[in-house]
Structure formats: C-alpha cells, structure tokens
C-alpha cells in the first residue's frame, strides 16, 4: 500500500506529460517510455539518400549511378501517426512543443548512433513572406535542442530562400523539382567544412537537394541531410 502510494505521489510531481497518452512522462521529456517504444522509427536505409533498404550499410542503386548533392542522410521517423500530427501541429498551429520534442528525440538518436557530427547546423530557411505568415521557422525550432545537445552552432541568416516557391505539397514530383531551382542563395561565406541541413519532412528530396547543391557550389566539403520524418507523395 505504501509502495503504491509512493508511486502515485512521484507521478504527481513528474514535470513532464506525455503528448501521446497524456500520462506523467518518465523520460525527462514530454513522452513516456511506452509511447516512445511505439513511435514509427525509420529502419535501415541507404547511407547517402535515406531510401529504405534491407541493410543500413549499403548504398542504393540510384546513389551509385547518380548520387545526390548531400553525402549522408539521417532520418528519424516514417511520416506516420503520431509524427504526422506532431508536424502538422508544429507547422500550422503554433505548437512549438513538438519542435522541442522532435529535436530532443533526433539528438538522442544521433548521439546513440555514433555518426560523425558536423561543424554546424543549417535549418532549411523559409522565404520571408512565409516566415511572416507563420511567425517562425519550424526547422530552426527543431534545430535548437539538437544544437544544444551536440554543442554545435546554428547558422542563422547565412542562407536566404530567394524564391517565394509554391508549397511543395501541392505539386507533382516534376513540378517540385522545377519549383526549387535556384531557390537558395548564400549571403556570406561559410567557414565550416561539414554542415548538416535540417528540415521537418523530406518527401522527394528536391528542397534538400537544392539547398545542399548551393552549399557544395560554395566549397562546403561535406553536407548531411537531417530530417525528422520521411514521407511519400501520397502523404502530401
């Protein structure tokens, strides 16, 4: 009886609440162990582009023939519930809690993976018009807890989204590629050899490729693509 009461009392003072089941969370973040274990974690994938494969130690056939302008990819989740709801709430309903949670989970997985860490993190920038409408850049909000955890700087105002592009979710694969041509420009020289570009969701990869291509053209040695979730055109 005393043991049961002590457990209930400790739960009462836990500072976090699980965003999935709304129970007191015991992971020092707003997610409990049970719901954490049910998340749609991304499985083995091509080391370069992140396409799902049987083994994470391989490169896919596309990358062997025509590699993308990024050198490595780290994807945390499939774009499935509850991740879909988290990202929608973050992007369109000002629920910045989910940016912090996604960033914490990403950093945790990254540190456990033993992968090489970049010199700096670059959030995919929004066009000024979209930034005014939304009030914040969700990629930057996700990057903040990652940068704190891995002790790397975030590149702010280094890169500009120069085109007010049509939202990618409304376009076909070919239209997405055309939409992102010449979409980014660097505003200053970058003095980092390796950079990780981070975004919330990668679908066709054209946004990520356009930005990474811009970095490579300005003599960045290595660029990694980091995304919280990978979706498909059917998810758009």
C-alpha atoms as a PDB file:
ATOM      1  CA  UNK A   1       0.000   0.000   0.000  1.00  0.00           C
ATOM      2  CA  UNK A   2       2.814   2.386   0.960  1.00  0.00           C
ATOM      3  CA  UNK A   3       4.738   1.446  -2.187  1.00  0.00           C
ATOM      4  CA  UNK A   4       1.673   2.114  -4.343  1.00  0.00           C
ATOM      5  CA  UNK A   5       1.085   5.476  -2.646  1.00  0.00           C
ATOM      6  CA  UNK A   6       4.725   6.482  -3.126  1.00  0.00           C
ATOM      7  CA  UNK A   7       4.478   5.665  -6.826  1.00  0.00           C
ATOM      8  CA  UNK A   8       1.348   7.754  -7.223  1.00  0.00           C
ATOM      9  CA  UNK A   9       2.980  10.616  -5.330  1.00  0.00           C
ATOM     10  CA  UNK A  10       6.120  10.516  -7.505  1.00  0.00           C
ATOM     11  CA  UNK A  11       3.998  10.581 -10.660  1.00  0.00           C
ATOM     12  CA  UNK A  12       2.163  13.591  -9.316  1.00  0.00           C
ATOM     13  CA  UNK A  13       5.389  15.588  -9.280  1.00  0.00           C
ATOM     14  CA  UNK A  14       6.869  14.424 -12.576  1.00  0.00           C
ATOM     15  CA  UNK A  15       7.445  17.657 -14.545  1.00  0.00           C
ATOM     16  CA  UNK A  16       6.578  16.215 -17.960  1.00  0.00           C
ATOM     17  CA  UNK A  17       3.351  14.927 -19.523  1.00  0.00           C
ATOM     18  CA  UNK A  18       3.305  12.518 -22.465  1.00  0.00           C
ATOM     19  CA  UNK A  19       1.917  14.222 -25.574  1.00  0.00           C
ATOM     20  CA  UNK A  20       0.502  10.905 -26.820  1.00  0.00           C
ATOM     21  CA  UNK A  21      -1.243   9.301 -23.831  1.00  0.00           C
ATOM     22  CA  UNK A  22      -1.226  12.355 -21.500  1.00  0.00           C
ATOM     23  CA  UNK A  23       0.147  10.312 -18.600  1.00  0.00           C
ATOM     24  CA  UNK A  24       3.040  11.613 -16.460  1.00  0.00           C
ATOM     25  CA  UNK A  25       6.209  11.101 -18.523  1.00  0.00           C
ATOM     26  CA  UNK A  26       9.291   9.437 -17.070  1.00  0.00           C
ATOM     27  CA  UNK A  27      11.804  10.175 -19.859  1.00  0.00           C
ATOM     28  CA  UNK A  28      12.687  13.746 -18.809  1.00  0.00           C
ATOM     29  CA  UNK A  29      10.675  14.940 -21.810  1.00  0.00           C
ATOM     30  CA  UNK A  30       7.026  15.072 -22.844  1.00  0.00           C
ATOM     31  CA  UNK A  31       6.913  11.425 -23.905  1.00  0.00           C
ATOM     32  CA  UNK A  32       6.607   8.299 -21.776  1.00  0.00           C
ATOM     33  CA  UNK A  33       8.605   5.099 -22.324  1.00  0.00           C
ATOM     34  CA  UNK A  34       5.598   3.143 -23.587  1.00  0.00           C
ATOM     35  CA  UNK A  35       4.670   5.670 -26.270  1.00  0.00           C
ATOM     36  CA  UNK A  36       8.331   6.163 -27.189  1.00  0.00           C
ATOM     37  CA  UNK A  37       8.609   2.452 -27.986  1.00  0.00           C
ATOM     38  CA  UNK A  38       5.563   2.677 -30.287  1.00  0.00           C
ATOM     39  CA  UNK A  39       6.925   5.524 -32.449  1.00  0.00           C
ATOM     40  CA  UNK A  40       7.398   4.747 -36.192  1.00  0.00           C
ATOM     41  CA  UNK A  41      11.194   4.810 -36.193  1.00  0.00           C
ATOM     42  CA  UNK A  42      12.847   4.714 -39.606  1.00  0.00           C
ATOM     43  CA  UNK A  43      14.604   1.451 -40.403  1.00  0.00           C
ATOM     44  CA  UNK A  44      17.723   0.521 -42.424  1.00  0.00           C
ATOM     45  CA  UNK A  45      18.346   2.915 -45.286  1.00  0.00           C
ATOM     46  CA  UNK A  46      20.804   3.975 -47.967  1.00  0.00           C
ATOM     47  CA  UNK A  47      23.678   5.708 -46.218  1.00  0.00           C
ATOM     48  CA  UNK A  48      23.606   8.551 -48.732  1.00  0.00           C
ATOM     49  CA  UNK A  49      19.996   9.356 -49.662  1.00  0.00           C
ATOM     50  CA  UNK A  50      17.999   7.597 -46.938  1.00  0.00           C
ATOM     51  CA  UNK A  51      15.957   5.314 -49.203  1.00  0.00           C
ATOM     52  CA  UNK A  52      14.768   2.261 -47.235  1.00  0.00           C
ATOM     53  CA  UNK A  53      16.990  -0.792 -47.750  1.00  0.00           C
ATOM     54  CA  UNK A  54      17.457  -4.207 -46.208  1.00  0.00           C
ATOM     55  CA  UNK A  55      20.741  -3.072 -44.640  1.00  0.00           C
ATOM     56  CA  UNK A  56      21.962   0.303 -43.414  1.00  0.00           C
ATOM     57  CA  UNK A  57      25.494  -0.485 -44.590  1.00  0.00           C
ATOM     58  CA  UNK A  58      24.635  -0.173 -48.294  1.00  0.00           C
ATOM     59  CA  UNK A  59      24.091   2.475 -50.944  1.00  0.00           C
ATOM     60  CA  UNK A  60      21.063   2.253 -53.202  1.00  0.00           C
ATOM     61  CA  UNK A  61      21.371   1.795 -56.967  1.00  0.00           C
ATOM     62  CA  UNK A  62      20.292   5.378 -57.669  1.00  0.00           C
ATOM     63  CA  UNK A  63      23.074   6.796 -55.493  1.00  0.00           C
ATOM     64  CA  UNK A  64      25.650   4.544 -57.116  1.00  0.00           C
ATOM     65  CA  UNK A  65      24.663   5.884 -60.547  1.00  0.00           C
ATOM     66  CA  UNK A  66      23.608   9.457 -59.762  1.00  0.00           C
ATOM     67  CA  UNK A  67      24.351  10.498 -56.165  1.00  0.00           C
ATOM     68  CA  UNK A  68      22.520  13.467 -54.643  1.00  0.00           C
ATOM     69  CA  UNK A  69      24.406  16.631 -53.588  1.00  0.00           C
ATOM     70  CA  UNK A  70      24.384  15.544 -49.941  1.00  0.00           C
ATOM     71  CA  UNK A  71      26.852  12.991 -48.606  1.00  0.00           C
ATOM     72  CA  UNK A  72      24.812  11.319 -45.874  1.00  0.00           C
ATOM     73  CA  UNK A  73      21.241  11.209 -44.617  1.00  0.00           C
ATOM     74  CA  UNK A  74      19.822  10.747 -41.148  1.00  0.00           C
ATOM     75  CA  UNK A  75      16.040  10.272 -40.922  1.00  0.00           C
ATOM     76  CA  UNK A  76      14.378   9.578 -37.598  1.00  0.00           C
ATOM     77  CA  UNK A  77      10.784   8.531 -38.402  1.00  0.00           C
ATOM     78  CA  UNK A  78       8.397   7.414 -41.079  1.00  0.00           C
ATOM     79  CA  UNK A  79       5.800  10.098 -41.711  1.00  0.00           C
ATOM     80  CA  UNK A  80       3.110   8.181 -39.848  1.00  0.00           C
ATOM     81  CA  UNK A  81       0.980   8.816 -36.735  1.00  0.00           C
ATOM     82  CA  UNK A  82       1.659  10.288 -34.274  1.00  0.00           C
ATOM     83  CA  UNK A  83       4.514  12.041 -36.110  1.00  0.00           C
ATOM     84  CA  UNK A  84       2.144  13.353 -38.783  1.00  0.00           C
ATOM     85  CA  UNK A  85       0.023  15.067 -36.147  1.00  0.00           C
ATOM     86  CA  UNK A  86       3.072  16.464 -34.357  1.00  0.00           C
ATOM     87  CA  UNK A  87       4.409  18.090 -37.513  1.00  0.00           C
ATOM     88  CA  UNK A  88       1.012  19.457 -38.566  1.00  0.00           C
ATOM     89  CA  UNK A  89       0.526  20.937 -35.096  1.00  0.00           C
ATOM     90  CA  UNK A  90       4.003  22.437 -35.241  1.00  0.00           C
ATOM     91  CA  UNK A  91       3.768  23.941 -38.732  1.00  0.00           C
ATOM     92  CA  UNK A  92       0.202  25.170 -38.800  1.00  0.00           C
ATOM     93  CA  UNK A  93      -0.988  25.534 -35.206  1.00  0.00           C
ATOM     94  CA  UNK A  94       1.961  27.201 -33.425  1.00  0.00           C
ATOM     95  CA  UNK A  95       2.544  24.188 -31.176  1.00  0.00           C
ATOM     96  CA  UNK A  96       6.294  24.679 -30.651  1.00  0.00           C
ATOM     97  CA  UNK A  97       6.330  21.956 -28.006  1.00  0.00           C
ATOM     98  CA  UNK A  98       6.589  19.452 -30.851  1.00  0.00           C
ATOM     99  CA  UNK A  99       9.677  21.157 -32.275  1.00  0.00           C
ATOM    100  CA  UNK A 100      11.423  20.756 -28.940  1.00  0.00           C
ATOM    101  CA  UNK A 101      10.339  17.123 -28.627  1.00  0.00           C
ATOM    102  CA  UNK A 102      11.355  16.224 -32.191  1.00  0.00           C
ATOM    103  CA  UNK A 103      14.697  17.938 -31.715  1.00  0.00           C
ATOM    104  CA  UNK A 104      15.344  16.127 -28.438  1.00  0.00           C
ATOM    105  CA  UNK A 105      14.485  12.756 -29.977  1.00  0.00           C
ATOM    106  CA  UNK A 106      16.632  13.479 -33.024  1.00  0.00           C
ATOM    107  CA  UNK A 107      19.630  14.464 -30.901  1.00  0.00           C
ATOM    108  CA  UNK A 108      19.199  11.379 -28.716  1.00  0.00           C
ATOM    109  CA  UNK A 109      19.202   9.063 -31.739  1.00  0.00           C
ATOM    110  CA  UNK A 110      22.092  10.914 -33.338  1.00  0.00           C
ATOM    111  CA  UNK A 111      24.325  10.650 -30.286  1.00  0.00           C
ATOM    112  CA  UNK A 112      23.483   6.977 -29.828  1.00  0.00           C
ATOM    113  CA  UNK A 113      24.255   6.205 -33.484  1.00  0.00           C
ATOM    114  CA  UNK A 114      27.913   7.167 -33.216  1.00  0.00           C
ATOM    115  CA  UNK A 115      27.716   9.041 -36.532  1.00  0.00           C
ATOM    116  CA  UNK A 116      30.182  11.818 -37.251  1.00  0.00           C
ATOM    117  CA  UNK A 117      28.865  15.176 -36.126  1.00  0.00           C
ATOM    118  CA  UNK A 118      29.014  18.229 -38.409  1.00  0.00           C
ATOM    119  CA  UNK A 119      30.753  21.509 -37.670  1.00  0.00           C
ATOM    120  CA  UNK A 120      27.455  23.420 -37.841  1.00  0.00           C
ATOM    121  CA  UNK A 121      23.710  23.022 -38.424  1.00  0.00           C
ATOM    122  CA  UNK A 122      21.762  24.885 -41.092  1.00  0.00           C
ATOM    123  CA  UNK A 123      17.932  24.839 -40.816  1.00  0.00           C
ATOM    124  CA  UNK A 124      16.223  24.946 -44.216  1.00  0.00           C
ATOM    125  CA  UNK A 125      15.201  28.616 -44.473  1.00  0.00           C
ATOM    126  CA  UNK A 126      11.694  29.863 -45.185  1.00  0.00           C
ATOM    127  CA  UNK A 127      11.041  32.679 -47.619  1.00  0.00           C
ATOM    128  CA  UNK A 128      10.488  36.000 -45.839  1.00  0.00           C
ATOM    129  CA  UNK A 129       6.824  36.031 -46.866  1.00  0.00           C
ATOM    130  CA  UNK A 130       6.179  32.536 -45.428  1.00  0.00           C
ATOM    131  CA  UNK A 131       8.138  33.413 -42.296  1.00  0.00           C
ATOM    132  CA  UNK A 132       5.953  36.474 -41.698  1.00  0.00           C
ATOM    133  CA  UNK A 133       2.803  34.398 -42.166  1.00  0.00           C
ATOM    134  CA  UNK A 134       3.897  31.598 -39.829  1.00  0.00           C
ATOM    135  CA  UNK A 135       5.867  33.685 -37.363  1.00  0.00           C
ATOM    136  CA  UNK A 136       8.719  31.161 -37.013  1.00  0.00           C
ATOM    137  CA  UNK A 137      10.733  28.639 -38.983  1.00  0.00           C
ATOM    138  CA  UNK A 138       9.872  25.135 -37.786  1.00  0.00           C
ATOM    139  CA  UNK A 139      13.243  23.789 -38.997  1.00  0.00           C
ATOM    140  CA  UNK A 140      15.051  26.327 -36.805  1.00  0.00           C
ATOM    141  CA  UNK A 141      12.911  25.430 -33.795  1.00  0.00           C
ATOM    142  CA  UNK A 142      13.762  21.740 -34.288  1.00  0.00           C
ATOM    143  CA  UNK A 143      17.452  22.597 -34.680  1.00  0.00           C
ATOM    144  CA  UNK A 144      17.714  24.436 -31.342  1.00  0.00           C
ATOM    145  CA  UNK A 145      17.572  21.406 -28.984  1.00  0.00           C
ATOM    146  CA  UNK A 146      19.814  19.440 -31.355  1.00  0.00           C
ATOM    147  CA  UNK A 147      22.445  22.178 -31.340  1.00  0.00           C
ATOM    148  CA  UNK A 148      22.367  22.324 -27.541  1.00  0.00           C
ATOM    149  CA  UNK A 149      22.737  18.553 -27.222  1.00  0.00           C
ATOM    150  CA  UNK A 150      25.615  18.146 -29.685  1.00  0.00           C
ATOM    151  CA  UNK A 151      27.217  21.535 -28.914  1.00  0.00           C
ATOM    152  CA  UNK A 152      27.276  22.845 -32.457  1.00  0.00           C
ATOM    153  CA  UNK A 153      26.356  26.318 -33.780  1.00  0.00           C
ATOM    154  CA  UNK A 154      23.233  27.029 -35.803  1.00  0.00           C
ATOM    155  CA  UNK A 155      23.847  29.038 -38.960  1.00  0.00           C
ATOM    156  CA  UNK A 156      21.397  31.939 -38.787  1.00  0.00           C
ATOM    157  CA  UNK A 157      20.942  34.299 -41.740  1.00  0.00           C
ATOM    158  CA  UNK A 158      23.728  32.580 -43.674  1.00  0.00           C
ATOM    159  CA  UNK A 159      21.394  31.331 -46.379  1.00  0.00           C
ATOM    160  CA  UNK A 160      18.377  33.002 -47.946  1.00  0.00           C
ATOM    161  CA  UNK A 161      15.384  31.450 -49.631  1.00  0.00           C
ATOM    162  CA  UNK A 162      15.276  33.815 -52.566  1.00  0.00           C
ATOM    163  CA  UNK A 163      12.157  32.463 -54.278  1.00  0.00           C
ATOM    164  CA  UNK A 164       8.679  32.511 -52.809  1.00  0.00           C
ATOM    165  CA  UNK A 165       8.023  28.989 -54.038  1.00  0.00           C
ATOM    166  CA  UNK A 166       4.667  27.285 -54.311  1.00  0.00           C
ATOM    167  CA  UNK A 167       4.134  24.906 -51.352  1.00  0.00           C
ATOM    168  CA  UNK A 168       5.678  21.571 -52.337  1.00  0.00           C
ATOM    169  CA  UNK A 169       2.721  19.589 -51.006  1.00  0.00           C
ATOM    170  CA  UNK A 170       0.536  20.921 -53.849  1.00  0.00           C
ATOM    171  CA  UNK A 171       2.887  19.817 -56.641  1.00  0.00           C
ATOM    172  CA  UNK A 172       3.808  16.684 -58.583  1.00  0.00           C
ATOM    173  CA  UNK A 173       7.311  15.241 -58.440  1.00  0.00           C
ATOM    174  CA  UNK A 174       8.450  17.048 -61.611  1.00  0.00           C
ATOM    175  CA  UNK A 175       6.822  20.303 -60.519  1.00  0.00           C
ATOM    176  CA  UNK A 176       8.581  20.078 -57.162  1.00  0.00           C
ATOM    177  CA  UNK A 177      11.953  19.785 -58.862  1.00  0.00           C
ATOM    178  CA  UNK A 178      11.283  22.793 -61.095  1.00  0.00           C
ATOM    179  CA  UNK A 179       9.863  24.738 -58.168  1.00  0.00           C
ATOM    180  CA  UNK A 180      13.126  24.503 -56.218  1.00  0.00           C
ATOM    181  CA  UNK A 181      15.531  25.526 -58.979  1.00  0.00           C
ATOM    182  CA  UNK A 182      17.671  28.482 -57.833  1.00  0.00           C
ATOM    183  CA  UNK A 183      15.586  28.779 -54.672  1.00  0.00           C
ATOM    184  CA  UNK A 184      18.514  29.432 -52.278  1.00  0.00           C
ATOM    185  CA  UNK A 185      21.438  31.848 -52.144  1.00  0.00           C
ATOM    186  CA  UNK A 186      24.222  32.240 -49.597  1.00  0.00           C
ATOM    187  CA  UNK A 187      24.506  35.668 -48.029  1.00  0.00           C
ATOM    188  CA  UNK A 188      28.040  35.164 -46.676  1.00  0.00           C
ATOM    189  CA  UNK A 189      30.921  32.763 -46.940  1.00  0.00           C
ATOM    190  CA  UNK A 190      30.656  29.740 -44.659  1.00  0.00           C
ATOM    191  CA  UNK A 191      33.768  28.833 -42.696  1.00  0.00           C
ATOM    192  CA  UNK A 192      32.722  25.284 -41.882  1.00  0.00           C
ATOM    193  CA  UNK A 193      33.924  22.153 -43.677  1.00  0.00           C
ATOM    194  CA  UNK A 194      30.921  19.992 -42.754  1.00  0.00           C
ATOM    195  CA  UNK A 195      27.312  21.149 -42.388  1.00  0.00           C
ATOM    196  CA  UNK A 196      24.097  19.311 -41.550  1.00  0.00           C
ATOM    197  CA  UNK A 197      20.991  20.715 -43.205  1.00  0.00           C
ATOM    198  CA  UNK A 198      17.867  20.017 -41.172  1.00  0.00           C
ATOM    199  CA  UNK A 199      14.181  20.022 -42.112  1.00  0.00           C
ATOM    200  CA  UNK A 200      10.993  18.589 -40.676  1.00  0.00           C
ATOM    201  CA  UNK A 201       9.921  16.283 -43.538  1.00  0.00           C
ATOM    202  CA  UNK A 202      11.622  15.006 -46.674  1.00  0.00           C
ATOM    203  CA  UNK A 203       9.448  13.661 -49.496  1.00  0.00           C
ATOM    204  CA  UNK A 204      11.040  13.772 -52.948  1.00  0.00           C
ATOM    205  CA  UNK A 205      14.147  15.442 -51.517  1.00  0.00           C
ATOM    206  CA  UNK A 206      14.201  18.313 -54.031  1.00  0.00           C
ATOM    207  CA  UNK A 207      14.184  21.048 -51.392  1.00  0.00           C
ATOM    208  CA  UNK A 208      17.038  19.404 -49.526  1.00  0.00           C
ATOM    209  CA  UNK A 209      18.960  18.756 -52.742  1.00  0.00           C
ATOM    210  CA  UNK A 210      18.609  22.367 -53.910  1.00  0.00           C
ATOM    211  CA  UNK A 211      19.991  23.744 -50.656  1.00  0.00           C
ATOM    212  CA  UNK A 212      22.789  21.185 -50.402  1.00  0.00           C
ATOM    213  CA  UNK A 213      23.776  21.873 -54.022  1.00  0.00           C
ATOM    214  CA  UNK A 214      24.094  25.567 -53.165  1.00  0.00           C
ATOM    215  CA  UNK A 215      26.380  24.710 -50.236  1.00  0.00           C
ATOM    216  CA  UNK A 216      28.532  22.426 -52.374  1.00  0.00           C
ATOM    217  CA  UNK A 217      28.886  25.152 -55.005  1.00  0.00           C
ATOM    218  CA  UNK A 218      30.336  27.365 -52.273  1.00  0.00           C
ATOM    219  CA  UNK A 219      33.022  24.848 -51.335  1.00  0.00           C
ATOM    220  CA  UNK A 220      31.435  23.079 -48.401  1.00  0.00           C
ATOM    221  CA  UNK A 221      33.270  19.738 -48.216  1.00  0.00           C
ATOM    222  CA  UNK A 222      30.571  17.545 -46.679  1.00  0.00           C
ATOM    223  CA  UNK A 223      26.833  18.094 -46.336  1.00  0.00           C
ATOM    224  CA  UNK A 224      24.477  15.833 -44.419  1.00  0.00           C
ATOM    225  CA  UNK A 225      20.697  15.798 -44.811  1.00  0.00           C
ATOM    226  CA  UNK A 226      18.859  15.549 -41.491  1.00  0.00           C
ATOM    227  CA  UNK A 227      15.076  15.150 -41.392  1.00  0.00           C
ATOM    228  CA  UNK A 228      12.647  14.249 -38.662  1.00  0.00           C
ATOM    229  CA  UNK A 229      10.453  12.198 -40.980  1.00  0.00           C
ATOM    230  CA  UNK A 230      10.304  10.800 -44.488  1.00  0.00           C
ATOM    231  CA  UNK A 231       7.032  10.787 -46.380  1.00  0.00           C
ATOM    232  CA  UNK A 232       5.848   9.998 -49.889  1.00  0.00           C
ATOM    233  CA  UNK A 233       3.816  11.943 -52.420  1.00  0.00           C
ATOM    234  CA  UNK A 234       0.745  10.055 -51.222  1.00  0.00           C
ATOM    235  CA  UNK A 235       1.275  11.641 -47.791  1.00  0.00           C
ATOM    236  CA  UNK A 236       1.226  15.171 -49.201  1.00  0.00           C
END
